[in-house]
Amino acid sequence: LWYNNQLSNIVPQSLASNLDIMEDRHLRILLRHGLIPLITHCPVPARRTWLLPILGVLVPLMHGRLGSRWNQIMQGSSSSSAPQQQQQQQLSDEVVGETLLREVTREY
């Protein structure tokens, strides 16, 4: 499996594609059930062929993505001029978004 040239070209390329447009919840699932098992079970001689294409895309993407999302949370995005019900909904959305961001950060 690890030394099959066709698989070693197709699988990493497929896993690394479209990471930039994935929502955080989908990215978390991919990390947990796809990439982490691949990384932990990949034999050392096959790591260059299997992991380098994925990590070359994933690491810079995740660094930028998580950094910008955490900056947004640290700055805060609530406005005091909105009606109370809208503020509550916005606060609820922010809490869900922050929770998901924490989970993605933990998985990464």
PDB file of N, CA and C in Angstrom:
ATOM      1  N   LEU A   1       0.821  -1.198   0.000  1.00  0.00           N
ATOM      2  CA  LEU A   1       0.000   0.000   0.000  1.00  0.00           C
ATOM      3  C   LEU A   1       0.867   1.264   0.000  1.00  0.00           C
ATOM      4  N   TRP A   2       1.822   1.345   0.915  1.00  0.00           N
ATOM      5  CA  TRP A   2       2.625   2.550   1.047  1.00  0.00           C
ATOM      6  C   TRP A   2       3.592   2.752  -0.108  1.00  0.00           C
ATOM      7  N   TYR A   3       3.929   1.686  -0.787  1.00  0.00           N
ATOM      8  CA  TYR A   3       4.916   1.790  -1.858  1.00  0.00           C
ATOM      9  C   TYR A   3       4.303   1.684  -3.245  1.00  0.00           C
ATOM     10  N   ASN A   4       2.998   1.799  -3.331  1.00  0.00           N
ATOM     11  CA  ASN A   4       2.289   1.826  -4.605  1.00  0.00           C
ATOM     12  C   ASN A   4       2.413   3.236  -5.181  1.00  0.00           C
ATOM     13  N   ASN A   5       3.084   3.358  -6.301  1.00  0.00           N
ATOM     14  CA  ASN A   5       3.350   4.680  -6.891  1.00  0.00           C
ATOM     15  C   ASN A   5       2.085   5.417  -7.300  1.00  0.00           C
ATOM     16  N   GLN A   6       1.095   4.701  -7.812  1.00  0.00           N
ATOM     17  CA  GLN A   6      -0.143   5.368  -8.214  1.00  0.00           C
ATOM     18  C   GLN A   6      -0.864   5.948  -7.001  1.00  0.00           C
ATOM     19  N   LEU A   7      -0.972   5.168  -5.940  1.00  0.00           N
ATOM     20  CA  LEU A   7      -1.630   5.665  -4.732  1.00  0.00           C
ATOM     21  C   LEU A   7      -0.852   6.812  -4.093  1.00  0.00           C
ATOM     22  N   SER A   8       0.450   6.702  -4.093  1.00  0.00           N
ATOM     23  CA  SER A   8       1.249   7.750  -3.448  1.00  0.00           C
ATOM     24  C   SER A   8       1.179   9.073  -4.218  1.00  0.00           C
ATOM     25  N   ASN A   9       0.750   9.040  -5.452  1.00  0.00           N
ATOM     26  CA  ASN A   9       0.539  10.283  -6.211  1.00  0.00           C
ATOM     27  C   ASN A   9      -0.879  10.806  -6.072  1.00  0.00           C
ATOM     28  N   ILE A  10      -1.848   9.903  -6.052  1.00  0.00           N
ATOM     29  CA  ILE A  10      -3.256  10.304  -6.067  1.00  0.00           C
ATOM     30  C   ILE A  10      -3.772  10.719  -4.692  1.00  0.00           C
ATOM     31  N   VAL A  11      -3.522   9.913  -3.666  1.00  0.00           N
ATOM     32  CA  VAL A  11      -4.107  10.167  -2.344  1.00  0.00           C
ATOM     33  C   VAL A  11      -3.635  11.491  -1.735  1.00  0.00           C
ATOM     34  N   PRO A  12      -2.334  11.749  -1.644  1.00  0.00           N
ATOM     35  CA  PRO A  12      -1.931  13.047  -1.064  1.00  0.00           C
ATOM     36  C   PRO A  12      -2.455  14.243  -1.856  1.00  0.00           C
ATOM     37  N   GLN A  13      -2.459  14.124  -3.158  1.00  0.00           N
ATOM     38  CA  GLN A  13      -2.953  15.213  -3.999  1.00  0.00           C
ATOM     39  C   GLN A  13      -4.448  15.443  -3.748  1.00  0.00           C
ATOM     40  N   SER A  14      -5.203  14.358  -3.610  1.00  0.00           N
ATOM     41  CA  SER A  14      -6.638  14.475  -3.354  1.00  0.00           C
ATOM     42  C   SER A  14      -6.923  15.060  -1.981  1.00  0.00           C
ATOM     43  N   LEU A  15      -6.174  14.623  -0.977  1.00  0.00           N
ATOM     44  CA  LEU A  15      -6.386  15.134   0.378  1.00  0.00           C
ATOM     45  C   LEU A  15      -6.030  16.612   0.497  1.00  0.00           C
ATOM     46  N   ALA A  16      -5.041  17.049  -0.245  1.00  0.00           N
ATOM     47  CA  ALA A  16      -4.589  18.437  -0.154  1.00  0.00           C
ATOM     48  C   ALA A  16      -5.408  19.387  -1.024  1.00  0.00           C
ATOM     49  N   SER A  17      -6.248  18.860  -1.887  1.00  0.00           N
ATOM     50  CA  SER A  17      -7.009  19.741  -2.771  1.00  0.00           C
ATOM     51  C   SER A  17      -8.216  20.336  -2.046  1.00  0.00           C
ATOM     52  N   ASN A  18      -8.532  21.546  -2.371  1.00  0.00           N
ATOM     53  CA  ASN A  18      -9.697  22.270  -1.864  1.00  0.00           C
ATOM     54  C   ASN A  18      -9.682  22.516  -0.359  1.00  0.00           C
ATOM     55  N   LEU A  19      -8.541  22.430   0.295  1.00  0.00           N
ATOM     56  CA  LEU A  19      -8.480  22.714   1.726  1.00  0.00           C
ATOM     57  C   LEU A  19      -8.824  24.172   2.016  1.00  0.00           C
ATOM     58  N   ASP A  20      -8.472  25.052   1.096  1.00  0.00           N
ATOM     59  CA  ASP A  20      -8.692  26.481   1.314  1.00  0.00           C
ATOM     60  C   ASP A  20     -10.167  26.878   1.288  1.00  0.00           C
ATOM     61  N   ILE A  21     -11.023  26.069   0.698  1.00  0.00           N
ATOM     62  CA  ILE A  21     -12.439  26.427   0.647  1.00  0.00           C
ATOM     63  C   ILE A  21     -13.294  25.591   1.596  1.00  0.00           C
ATOM     64  N   MET A  22     -12.678  24.684   2.333  1.00  0.00           N
ATOM     65  CA  MET A  22     -13.431  23.852   3.281  1.00  0.00           C
ATOM     66  C   MET A  22     -13.836  24.672   4.496  1.00  0.00           C
ATOM     67  N   GLU A  23     -15.026  24.381   5.000  1.00  0.00           N
ATOM     68  CA  GLU A  23     -15.451  24.984   6.259  1.00  0.00           C
ATOM     69  C   GLU A  23     -14.668  24.321   7.390  1.00  0.00           C
ATOM     70  N   ASP A  24     -14.597  25.012   8.522  1.00  0.00           N
ATOM     71  CA  ASP A  24     -13.832  24.486   9.653  1.00  0.00           C
ATOM     72  C   ASP A  24     -14.332  23.121  10.110  1.00  0.00           C
ATOM     73  N   ARG A  25     -15.627  22.908  10.119  1.00  0.00           N
ATOM     74  CA  ARG A  25     -16.164  21.622  10.582  1.00  0.00           C
ATOM     75  C   ARG A  25     -15.742  20.482   9.661  1.00  0.00           C
ATOM     76  N   HIS A  26     -15.675  20.730   8.370  1.00  0.00           N
ATOM     77  CA  HIS A  26     -15.239  19.695   7.431  1.00  0.00           C
ATOM     78  C   HIS A  26     -13.734  19.470   7.525  1.00  0.00           C
ATOM     79  N   LEU A  27     -13.009  20.546   7.714  1.00  0.00           N
ATOM     80  CA  LEU A  27     -11.563  20.448   7.849  1.00  0.00           C
ATOM     81  C   LEU A  27     -11.193  19.653   9.095  1.00  0.00           C
ATOM     82  N   ARG A  28     -11.932  19.868  10.167  1.00  0.00           N
ATOM     83  CA  ARG A  28     -11.691  19.127  11.409  1.00  0.00           C
ATOM     84  C   ARG A  28     -11.881  17.626  11.192  1.00  0.00           C
ATOM     85  N   ILE A  29     -12.923  17.247  10.479  1.00  0.00           N
ATOM     86  CA  ILE A  29     -13.172  15.833  10.191  1.00  0.00           C
ATOM     87  C   ILE A  29     -12.054  15.256   9.338  1.00  0.00           C
ATOM     88  N   LEU A  30     -11.618  16.003   8.340  1.00  0.00           N
ATOM     89  CA  LEU A  30     -10.521  15.538   7.491  1.00  0.00           C
ATOM     90  C   LEU A  30      -9.243  15.359   8.294  1.00  0.00           C
ATOM     91  N   LEU A  31      -8.955  16.306   9.175  1.00  0.00           N
ATOM     92  CA  LEU A  31      -7.760  16.188  10.012  1.00  0.00           C
ATOM     93  C   LEU A  31      -7.846  14.969  10.924  1.00  0.00           C
ATOM     94  N   ARG A  32      -8.955  14.831  11.601  1.00  0.00           N
ATOM     95  CA  ARG A  32      -9.106  13.772  12.602  1.00  0.00           C
ATOM     96  C   ARG A  32      -9.144  12.380  11.980  1.00  0.00           C
ATOM     97  N   HIS A  33      -9.880  12.216  10.897  1.00  0.00           N
ATOM     98  CA  HIS A  33     -10.105  10.877  10.355  1.00  0.00           C
ATOM     99  C   HIS A  33      -9.322  10.566   9.088  1.00  0.00           C
ATOM    100  N   GLY A  34      -8.637  11.554   8.547  1.00  0.00           N
ATOM    101  CA  GLY A  34      -7.875  11.318   7.331  1.00  0.00           C
ATOM    102  C   GLY A  34      -6.388  11.563   7.499  1.00  0.00           C
ATOM    103  N   LEU A  35      -6.044  12.771   7.873  1.00  0.00           N
ATOM    104  CA  LEU A  35      -4.630  13.140   7.900  1.00  0.00           C
ATOM    105  C   LEU A  35      -3.878  12.629   9.120  1.00  0.00           C
ATOM    106  N   ILE A  36      -4.460  12.724  10.296  1.00  0.00           N
ATOM    107  CA  ILE A  36      -3.756  12.261  11.498  1.00  0.00           C
ATOM    108  C   ILE A  36      -3.469  10.762  11.420  1.00  0.00           C
ATOM    109  N   PRO A  37      -4.443   9.909  11.046  1.00  0.00           N
ATOM    110  CA  PRO A  37      -4.102   8.483  10.892  1.00  0.00           C
ATOM    111  C   PRO A  37      -3.055   8.239   9.804  1.00  0.00           C
ATOM    112  N   LEU A  38      -3.120   8.984   8.719  1.00  0.00           N
ATOM    113  CA  LEU A  38      -2.130   8.842   7.657  1.00  0.00           C
ATOM    114  C   LEU A  38      -0.733   9.187   8.169  1.00  0.00           C
ATOM    115  N   ILE A  39      -0.629  10.267   8.913  1.00  0.00           N
ATOM    116  CA  ILE A  39       0.659  10.696   9.443  1.00  0.00           C
ATOM    117  C   ILE A  39       1.194   9.706  10.473  1.00  0.00           C
ATOM    118  N   THR A  40       0.343   9.223  11.351  1.00  0.00           N
ATOM    119  CA  THR A  40       0.818   8.336  12.412  1.00  0.00           C
ATOM    120  C   THR A  40       1.159   6.942  11.913  1.00  0.00           C
ATOM    121  N   HIS A  41       0.537   6.479  10.854  1.00  0.00           N
ATOM    122  CA  HIS A  41       0.772   5.122  10.372  1.00  0.00           C
ATOM    123  C   HIS A  41       1.711   5.035   9.175  1.00  0.00           C
ATOM    124  N   CYS A  42       2.092   6.156   8.637  1.00  0.00           N
ATOM    125  CA  CYS A  42       2.965   6.158   7.466  1.00  0.00           C
ATOM    126  C   CYS A  42       4.376   5.722   7.868  1.00  0.00           C
ATOM    127  N   PRO A  43       4.931   4.706   7.196  1.00  0.00           N
ATOM    128  CA  PRO A  43       6.298   4.286   7.522  1.00  0.00           C
ATOM    129  C   PRO A  43       7.303   5.375   7.147  1.00  0.00           C
ATOM    130  N   VAL A  44       8.391   5.414   7.879  1.00  0.00           N
ATOM    131  CA  VAL A  44       9.399   6.466   7.690  1.00  0.00           C
ATOM    132  C   VAL A  44       9.904   6.561   6.246  1.00  0.00           C
ATOM    133  N   PRO A  45      10.230   5.445   5.576  1.00  0.00           N
ATOM    134  CA  PRO A  45      10.723   5.580   4.199  1.00  0.00           C
ATOM    135  C   PRO A  45       9.694   6.150   3.215  1.00  0.00           C
ATOM    136  N   ALA A  46       8.415   6.038   3.533  1.00  0.00           N
ATOM    137  CA  ALA A  46       7.372   6.511   2.614  1.00  0.00           C
ATOM    138  C   ALA A  46       6.887   7.923   2.941  1.00  0.00           C
ATOM    139  N   ARG A  47       7.378   8.507   3.999  1.00  0.00           N
ATOM    140  CA  ARG A  47       6.882   9.824   4.429  1.00  0.00           C
ATOM    141  C   ARG A  47       7.142  10.923   3.415  1.00  0.00           C
ATOM    142  N   ARG A  48       8.272  10.888   2.767  1.00  0.00           N
ATOM    143  CA  ARG A  48       8.577  11.940   1.792  1.00  0.00           C
ATOM    144  C   ARG A  48       7.546  11.925   0.660  1.00  0.00           C
ATOM    145  N   THR A  49       7.193  10.753   0.179  1.00  0.00           N
ATOM    146  CA  THR A  49       6.266  10.651  -0.943  1.00  0.00           C
ATOM    147  C   THR A  49       4.826  10.937  -0.540  1.00  0.00           C
ATOM    148  N   TRP A  50       4.434  10.508   0.659  1.00  0.00           N
ATOM    149  CA  TRP A  50       3.047  10.637   1.080  1.00  0.00           C
ATOM    150  C   TRP A  50       2.762  11.941   1.814  1.00  0.00           C
ATOM    151  N   LEU A  51       3.636  12.343   2.706  1.00  0.00           N
ATOM    152  CA  LEU A  51       3.312  13.462   3.590  1.00  0.00           C
ATOM    153  C   LEU A  51       3.758  14.828   3.082  1.00  0.00           C
ATOM    154  N   LEU A  52       4.853  14.880   2.375  1.00  0.00           N
ATOM    155  CA  LEU A  52       5.363  16.161   1.901  1.00  0.00           C
ATOM    156  C   LEU A  52       4.353  16.925   1.039  1.00  0.00           C
ATOM    157  N   PRO A  53       3.683  16.273   0.079  1.00  0.00           N
ATOM    158  CA  PRO A  53       2.693  17.031  -0.718  1.00  0.00           C
ATOM    159  C   PRO A  53       1.529  17.564   0.120  1.00  0.00           C
ATOM    160  N   ILE A  54       1.104  16.804   1.123  1.00  0.00           N
ATOM    161  CA  ILE A  54      -0.031  17.235   1.951  1.00  0.00           C
ATOM    162  C   ILE A  54       0.402  18.351   2.897  1.00  0.00           C
ATOM    163  N   LEU A  55       1.494  18.112   3.620  1.00  0.00           N
ATOM    164  CA  LEU A  55       1.934  19.087   4.618  1.00  0.00           C
ATOM    165  C   LEU A  55       2.440  20.379   3.992  1.00  0.00           C
ATOM    166  N   GLY A  56       2.950  20.292   2.770  1.00  0.00           N
ATOM    167  CA  GLY A  56       3.386  21.493   2.066  1.00  0.00           C
ATOM    168  C   GLY A  56       2.239  22.450   1.800  1.00  0.00           C
ATOM    169  N   VAL A  57       1.039  21.920   1.656  1.00  0.00           N
ATOM    170  CA  VAL A  57      -0.153  22.743   1.449  1.00  0.00           C
ATOM    171  C   VAL A  57      -0.830  23.050   2.783  1.00  0.00           C
ATOM    172  N   LEU A  58      -0.918  22.051   3.649  1.00  0.00           N
ATOM    173  CA  LEU A  58      -1.681  22.166   4.890  1.00  0.00           C
ATOM    174  C   LEU A  58      -1.060  23.130   5.903  1.00  0.00           C
ATOM    175  N   VAL A  59       0.226  23.051   6.134  1.00  0.00           N
ATOM    176  CA  VAL A  59       0.850  23.847   7.193  1.00  0.00           C
ATOM    177  C   VAL A  59       0.723  25.352   6.940  1.00  0.00           C
ATOM    178  N   PRO A  60       1.109  25.870   5.769  1.00  0.00           N
ATOM    179  CA  PRO A  60       0.927  27.319   5.560  1.00  0.00           C
ATOM    180  C   PRO A  60      -0.539  27.742   5.571  1.00  0.00           C
ATOM    181  N   LEU A  61      -1.400  26.906   5.010  1.00  0.00           N
ATOM    182  CA  LEU A  61      -2.822  27.230   4.981  1.00  0.00           C
ATOM    183  C   LEU A  61      -3.379  27.325   6.396  1.00  0.00           C
ATOM    184  N   MET A  62      -3.089  26.334   7.228  1.00  0.00           N
ATOM    185  CA  MET A  62      -3.613  26.320   8.587  1.00  0.00           C
ATOM    186  C   MET A  62      -3.026  27.458   9.418  1.00  0.00           C
ATOM    187  N   HIS A  63      -1.773  27.767   9.212  1.00  0.00           N
ATOM    188  CA  HIS A  63      -1.152  28.870   9.947  1.00  0.00           C
ATOM    189  C   HIS A  63      -1.872  30.191   9.648  1.00  0.00           C
ATOM    190  N   GLY A  64      -2.083  30.459   8.384  1.00  0.00           N
ATOM    191  CA  GLY A  64      -2.781  31.681   8.001  1.00  0.00           C
ATOM    192  C   GLY A  64      -4.237  31.687   8.425  1.00  0.00           C
ATOM    193  N   ARG A  65      -4.893  30.578   8.236  1.00  0.00           N
ATOM    194  CA  ARG A  65      -6.319  30.472   8.542  1.00  0.00           C
ATOM    195  C   ARG A  65      -6.573  30.615  10.040  1.00  0.00           C
ATOM    196  N   LEU A  66      -5.850  29.849  10.852  1.00  0.00           N
ATOM    197  CA  LEU A  66      -6.057  29.918  12.291  1.00  0.00           C
ATOM    198  C   LEU A  66      -5.633  31.273  12.849  1.00  0.00           C
ATOM    199  N   GLY A  67      -4.544  31.815  12.331  1.00  0.00           N
ATOM    200  CA  GLY A  67      -4.096  33.126  12.793  1.00  0.00           C
ATOM    201  C   GLY A  67      -5.126  34.212  12.524  1.00  0.00           C
ATOM    202  N   SER A  68      -5.687  34.223  11.333  1.00  0.00           N
ATOM    203  CA  SER A  68      -6.677  35.264  11.010  1.00  0.00           C
ATOM    204  C   SER A  68      -7.970  35.071  11.784  1.00  0.00           C
ATOM    205  N   ARG A  69      -8.387  33.831  11.983  1.00  0.00           N
ATOM    206  CA  ARG A  69      -9.613  33.582  12.748  1.00  0.00           C
ATOM    207  C   ARG A  69      -9.445  33.973  14.211  1.00  0.00           C
ATOM    208  N   TRP A  70      -8.281  33.655  14.795  1.00  0.00           N
ATOM    209  CA  TRP A  70      -8.053  34.033  16.192  1.00  0.00           C
ATOM    210  C   TRP A  70      -7.944  35.552  16.322  1.00  0.00           C
ATOM    211  N   ASN A  71      -7.381  36.221  15.339  1.00  0.00           N
ATOM    212  CA  ASN A  71      -7.323  37.688  15.369  1.00  0.00           C
ATOM    213  C   ASN A  71      -8.719  38.291  15.335  1.00  0.00           C
ATOM    214  N   GLN A  72      -9.607  37.715  14.540  1.00  0.00           N
ATOM    215  CA  GLN A  72     -10.988  38.201  14.482  1.00  0.00           C
ATOM    216  C   GLN A  72     -11.665  38.056  15.835  1.00  0.00           C
ATOM    217  N   ILE A  73     -11.428  36.935  16.487  1.00  0.00           N
ATOM    218  CA  ILE A  73     -12.052  36.708  17.790  1.00  0.00           C
ATOM    219  C   ILE A  73     -11.483  37.662  18.831  1.00  0.00           C
ATOM    220  N   MET A  74     -10.178  37.870  18.793  1.00  0.00           N
ATOM    221  CA  MET A  74      -9.539  38.755  19.765  1.00  0.00           C
ATOM    222  C   MET A  74     -10.006  40.208  19.594  1.00  0.00           C
ATOM    223  N   GLN A  75     -10.275  40.617  18.369  1.00  0.00           N
ATOM    224  CA  GLN A  75     -10.726  41.985  18.113  1.00  0.00           C
ATOM    225  C   GLN A  75     -12.188  42.164  18.501  1.00  0.00           C
ATOM    226  N   GLY A  76     -12.967  41.101  18.417  1.00  0.00           N
ATOM    227  CA  GLY A  76     -14.395  41.195  18.707  1.00  0.00           C
ATOM    228  C   GLY A  76     -15.121  41.830  17.555  1.00  0.00           C
ATOM    229  N   SER A  77     -16.300  41.349  17.285  1.00  0.00           N
ATOM    230  CA  SER A  77     -17.024  41.878  16.124  1.00  0.00           C
ATOM    231  C   SER A  77     -18.462  42.248  16.443  1.00  0.00           C
ATOM    232  N   SER A  78     -18.784  42.475  17.707  1.00  0.00           N
ATOM    233  CA  SER A  78     -20.162  42.834  18.037  1.00  0.00           C
ATOM    234  C   SER A  78     -20.344  44.340  17.982  1.00  0.00           C
ATOM    235  N   SER A  79     -21.486  44.753  17.529  1.00  0.00           N
ATOM    236  CA  SER A  79     -21.792  46.184  17.468  1.00  0.00           C
ATOM    237  C   SER A  79     -22.920  46.487  18.443  1.00  0.00           C
ATOM    238  N   SER A  80     -22.841  47.627  19.087  1.00  0.00           N
ATOM    239  CA  SER A  80     -23.828  47.967  20.113  1.00  0.00           C
ATOM    240  C   SER A  80     -25.075  48.631  19.526  1.00  0.00           C
ATOM    241  N   SER A  81     -25.083  48.964  18.263  1.00  0.00           N
ATOM    242  CA  SER A  81     -26.229  49.642  17.666  1.00  0.00           C
ATOM    243  C   SER A  81     -27.282  48.672  17.139  1.00  0.00           C
ATOM    244  N   ALA A  82     -27.003  47.397  17.123  1.00  0.00           N
ATOM    245  CA  ALA A  82     -27.964  46.415  16.614  1.00  0.00           C
ATOM    246  C   ALA A  82     -29.015  46.124  17.684  1.00  0.00           C
ATOM    247  N   PRO A  83     -30.227  45.719  17.264  1.00  0.00           N
ATOM    248  CA  PRO A  83     -31.264  45.348  18.228  1.00  0.00           C
ATOM    249  C   PRO A  83     -30.798  44.180  19.104  1.00  0.00           C
ATOM    250  N   GLN A  84     -31.406  44.055  20.282  1.00  0.00           N
ATOM    251  CA  GLN A  84     -30.970  43.071  21.264  1.00  0.00           C
ATOM    252  C   GLN A  84     -31.088  41.637  20.737  1.00  0.00           C
ATOM    253  N   GLN A  85     -32.173  41.319  20.064  1.00  0.00           N
ATOM    254  CA  GLN A  85     -32.352  39.960  19.539  1.00  0.00           C
ATOM    255  C   GLN A  85     -31.268  39.646  18.505  1.00  0.00           C
ATOM    256  N   GLN A  86     -30.941  40.602  17.665  1.00  0.00           N
ATOM    257  CA  GLN A  86     -29.894  40.406  16.666  1.00  0.00           C
ATOM    258  C   GLN A  86     -28.539  40.253  17.351  1.00  0.00           C
ATOM    259  N   GLN A  87     -28.316  41.005  18.406  1.00  0.00           N
ATOM    260  CA  GLN A  87     -27.062  40.879  19.155  1.00  0.00           C
ATOM    261  C   GLN A  87     -26.943  39.498  19.794  1.00  0.00           C
ATOM    262  N   GLN A  88     -28.051  38.986  20.331  1.00  0.00           N
ATOM    263  CA  GLN A  88     -28.037  37.658  20.949  1.00  0.00           C
ATOM    264  C   GLN A  88     -27.736  36.589  19.911  1.00  0.00           C
ATOM    265  N   GLN A  89     -28.342  36.697  18.742  1.00  0.00           N
ATOM    266  CA  GLN A  89     -28.080  35.731  17.671  1.00  0.00           C
ATOM    267  C   GLN A  89     -26.629  35.811  17.223  1.00  0.00           C
ATOM    268  N   GLN A  90     -26.128  37.033  17.093  1.00  0.00           N
ATOM    269  CA  GLN A  90     -24.742  37.229  16.680  1.00  0.00           C
ATOM    270  C   GLN A  90     -23.794  36.663  17.734  1.00  0.00           C
ATOM    271  N   LEU A  91     -24.107  36.880  19.009  1.00  0.00           N
ATOM    272  CA  LEU A  91     -23.285  36.342  20.090  1.00  0.00           C
ATOM    273  C   LEU A  91     -23.305  34.819  20.078  1.00  0.00           C
ATOM    274  N   SER A  92     -24.472  34.247  19.839  1.00  0.00           N
ATOM    275  CA  SER A  92     -24.592  32.788  19.747  1.00  0.00           C
ATOM    276  C   SER A  92     -23.769  32.239  18.589  1.00  0.00           C
ATOM    277  N   ASP A  93     -23.825  32.906  17.441  1.00  0.00           N
ATOM    278  CA  ASP A  93     -23.031  32.497  16.278  1.00  0.00           C
ATOM    279  C   ASP A  93     -21.535  32.600  16.563  1.00  0.00           C
ATOM    280  N   GLU A  94     -21.142  33.652  17.281  1.00  0.00           N
ATOM    281  CA  GLU A  94     -19.733  33.832  17.618  1.00  0.00           C
ATOM    282  C   GLU A  94     -19.255  32.731  18.561  1.00  0.00           C
ATOM    283  N   VAL A  95     -20.096  32.347  19.520  1.00  0.00           N
ATOM    284  CA  VAL A  95     -19.727  31.290  20.463  1.00  0.00           C
ATOM    285  C   VAL A  95     -19.563  29.963  19.729  1.00  0.00           C
ATOM    286  N   VAL A  96     -20.480  29.654  18.832  1.00  0.00           N
ATOM    287  CA  VAL A  96     -20.372  28.420  18.049  1.00  0.00           C
ATOM    288  C   VAL A  96     -19.132  28.459  17.171  1.00  0.00           C
ATOM    289  N   GLY A  97     -18.892  29.580  16.522  1.00  0.00           N
ATOM    290  CA  GLY A  97     -17.715  29.722  15.673  1.00  0.00           C
ATOM    291  C   GLY A  97     -16.420  29.598  16.466  1.00  0.00           C
ATOM    292  N   GLU A  98     -16.383  30.194  17.645  1.00  0.00           N
ATOM    293  CA  GLU A  98     -15.180  30.114  18.476  1.00  0.00           C
ATOM    294  C   GLU A  98     -14.954  28.682  18.967  1.00  0.00           C
ATOM    295  N   THR A  99     -16.018  27.998  19.330  1.00  0.00           N
ATOM    296  CA  THR A  99     -15.892  26.605  19.762  1.00  0.00           C
ATOM    297  C   THR A  99     -15.346  25.743  18.642  1.00  0.00           C
ATOM    298  N   LEU A 100     -15.862  25.912  17.450  1.00  0.00           N
ATOM    299  CA  LEU A 100     -15.388  25.153  16.301  1.00  0.00           C
ATOM    300  C   LEU A 100     -13.931  25.487  15.990  1.00  0.00           C
ATOM    301  N   LEU A 101     -13.573  26.763  16.095  1.00  0.00           N
ATOM    302  CA  LEU A 101     -12.192  27.167  15.860  1.00  0.00           C
ATOM    303  C   LEU A 101     -11.253  26.536  16.883  1.00  0.00           C
ATOM    304  N   ARG A 102     -11.672  26.476  18.126  1.00  0.00           N
ATOM    305  CA  ARG A 102     -10.859  25.806  19.149  1.00  0.00           C
ATOM    306  C   ARG A 102     -10.650  24.330  18.820  1.00  0.00           C
ATOM    307  N   GLU A 103     -11.713  23.673  18.350  1.00  0.00           N
ATOM    308  CA  GLU A 103     -11.609  22.263  18.007  1.00  0.00           C
ATOM    309  C   GLU A 103     -10.679  22.042  16.820  1.00  0.00           C
ATOM    310  N   VAL A 104     -10.789  22.888  15.811  1.00  0.00           N
ATOM    311  CA  VAL A 104      -9.909  22.761  14.644  1.00  0.00           C
ATOM    312  C   VAL A 104      -8.461  23.020  15.057  1.00  0.00           C
ATOM    313  N   THR A 105      -8.246  24.032  15.904  1.00  0.00           N
ATOM    314  CA  THR A 105      -6.912  24.334  16.391  1.00  0.00           C
ATOM    315  C   THR A 105      -6.344  23.150  17.170  1.00  0.00           C
ATOM    316  N   ARG A 106      -7.156  22.546  17.998  1.00  0.00           N
ATOM    317  CA  ARG A 106      -6.716  21.390  18.782  1.00  0.00           C
ATOM    318  C   ARG A 106      -6.368  20.215  17.889  1.00  0.00           C
ATOM    319  N   GLU A 107      -7.169  19.987  16.844  1.00  0.00           N
ATOM    320  CA  GLU A 107      -6.902  18.879  15.924  1.00  0.00           C
ATOM    321  C   GLU A 107      -5.627  19.120  15.141  1.00  0.00           C
ATOM    322  N   TYR A 108      -5.397  20.376  14.754  1.00  0.00           N
ATOM    323  CA  TYR A 108      -4.214  20.711  13.970  1.00  0.00           C
ATOM    324  C   TYR A 108      -2.983  20.575  14.828  1.00  0.00           C
TER     325      TYR A 108
END
